[in-house]
Amino acid sequence: MIQEMLADPEWANLLTEEDKRALTPLFWMHIQPYGEVRLNMGRRLQLAQPVHQEPDPEPEPAAA
């Protein structure tokens, strides 16, 4: 349907480049590039406790 509309020179010349860019999400919003991710919001994730590391000591200044 959109192709037919854009094939008509009257409509094709009416749309700006910005208008044409706005059409792109119509064609690509339904695509999930990483597959379907189902989240169970009723259960917490079992994450490991963060490991605290001591910072490296400051190097001693060289004797002058």
Protein backbone atom coordinates (compact mmCIF):
# COMPACT_ATOMS: atom_id res chain seq x y z
CA MET A 1 0.00 0.00 0.00
CA ILE A 2 2.78 2.44 0.89
CA GLN A 3 4.71 1.46 -2.22
CA GLU A 4 1.70 2.27 -4.36
CA MET A 5 1.34 5.65 -2.69
CA LEU A 6 5.04 6.47 -3.15
CA ALA A 7 4.89 5.34 -6.79
CA ASP A 8 2.46 8.19 -7.47
CA PRO A 9 4.65 11.20 -8.44
CA GLU A 10 2.26 13.60 -6.70
CA TRP A 11 2.81 11.90 -3.33
CA ALA A 12 6.49 11.08 -3.90
CA ASN A 13 7.28 14.76 -4.49
CA LEU A 14 5.22 15.80 -1.48
CA LEU A 15 7.23 13.83 1.09
CA THR A 16 10.48 15.29 2.40
CA GLU A 17 13.55 13.19 3.30
CA GLU A 18 12.54 13.47 6.97
CA ASP A 19 9.07 12.14 6.14
CA LYS A 20 10.61 9.16 4.32
CA ARG A 21 12.89 8.43 7.31
CA ALA A 22 9.82 8.42 9.54
CA LEU A 23 8.42 5.51 7.50
CA THR A 24 11.37 3.23 8.35
CA PRO A 25 10.14 2.19 11.85
CA LEU A 26 6.88 1.02 10.29
CA PHE A 27 8.80 -1.68 8.45
CA TRP A 28 11.33 -2.66 11.14
CA MET A 29 9.66 -2.30 14.58
CA HIS A 30 8.29 -5.85 14.52
CA ILE A 31 11.74 -7.45 14.07
CA GLN A 32 13.51 -8.79 17.16
CA PRO A 33 17.17 -9.28 16.14
CA TYR A 34 18.01 -11.23 19.32
CA GLY A 35 14.98 -13.49 19.32
CA GLU A 36 12.15 -13.36 21.79
CA VAL A 37 13.13 -12.61 25.37
CA ARG A 38 10.52 -13.58 27.93
CA LEU A 39 10.87 -12.02 31.35
CA ASN A 40 9.29 -13.46 34.47
CA MET A 41 8.70 -10.34 36.55
CA GLY A 42 7.37 -12.44 39.44
CA ARG A 43 10.74 -14.09 40.16
CA ARG A 44 14.09 -12.56 41.11
CA LEU A 45 17.26 -13.38 39.22
CA GLN A 46 19.82 -15.45 41.13
CA LEU A 47 22.88 -13.24 40.83
CA ALA A 48 26.20 -13.93 42.53
CA GLN A 49 27.29 -11.61 45.33
CA PRO A 50 29.77 -9.00 44.06
CA VAL A 51 33.37 -9.67 45.05
CA HIS A 52 35.01 -6.72 46.79
CA GLN A 53 38.66 -6.28 45.82
CA GLU A 54 41.10 -4.11 47.69
CA PRO A 55 42.62 -1.36 45.52
CA ASP A 56 46.29 -1.71 44.60
CA PRO A 57 48.52 0.19 47.04
CA GLU A 58 49.98 3.46 45.85
CA PRO A 59 53.60 3.08 44.70
CA GLU A 60 56.14 4.71 46.99
CA PRO A 61 57.76 7.85 45.53
CA ALA A 62 61.35 7.33 44.38
CA ALA A 63 64.07 8.83 46.59
CA ALA A 64 65.63 11.91 45.03
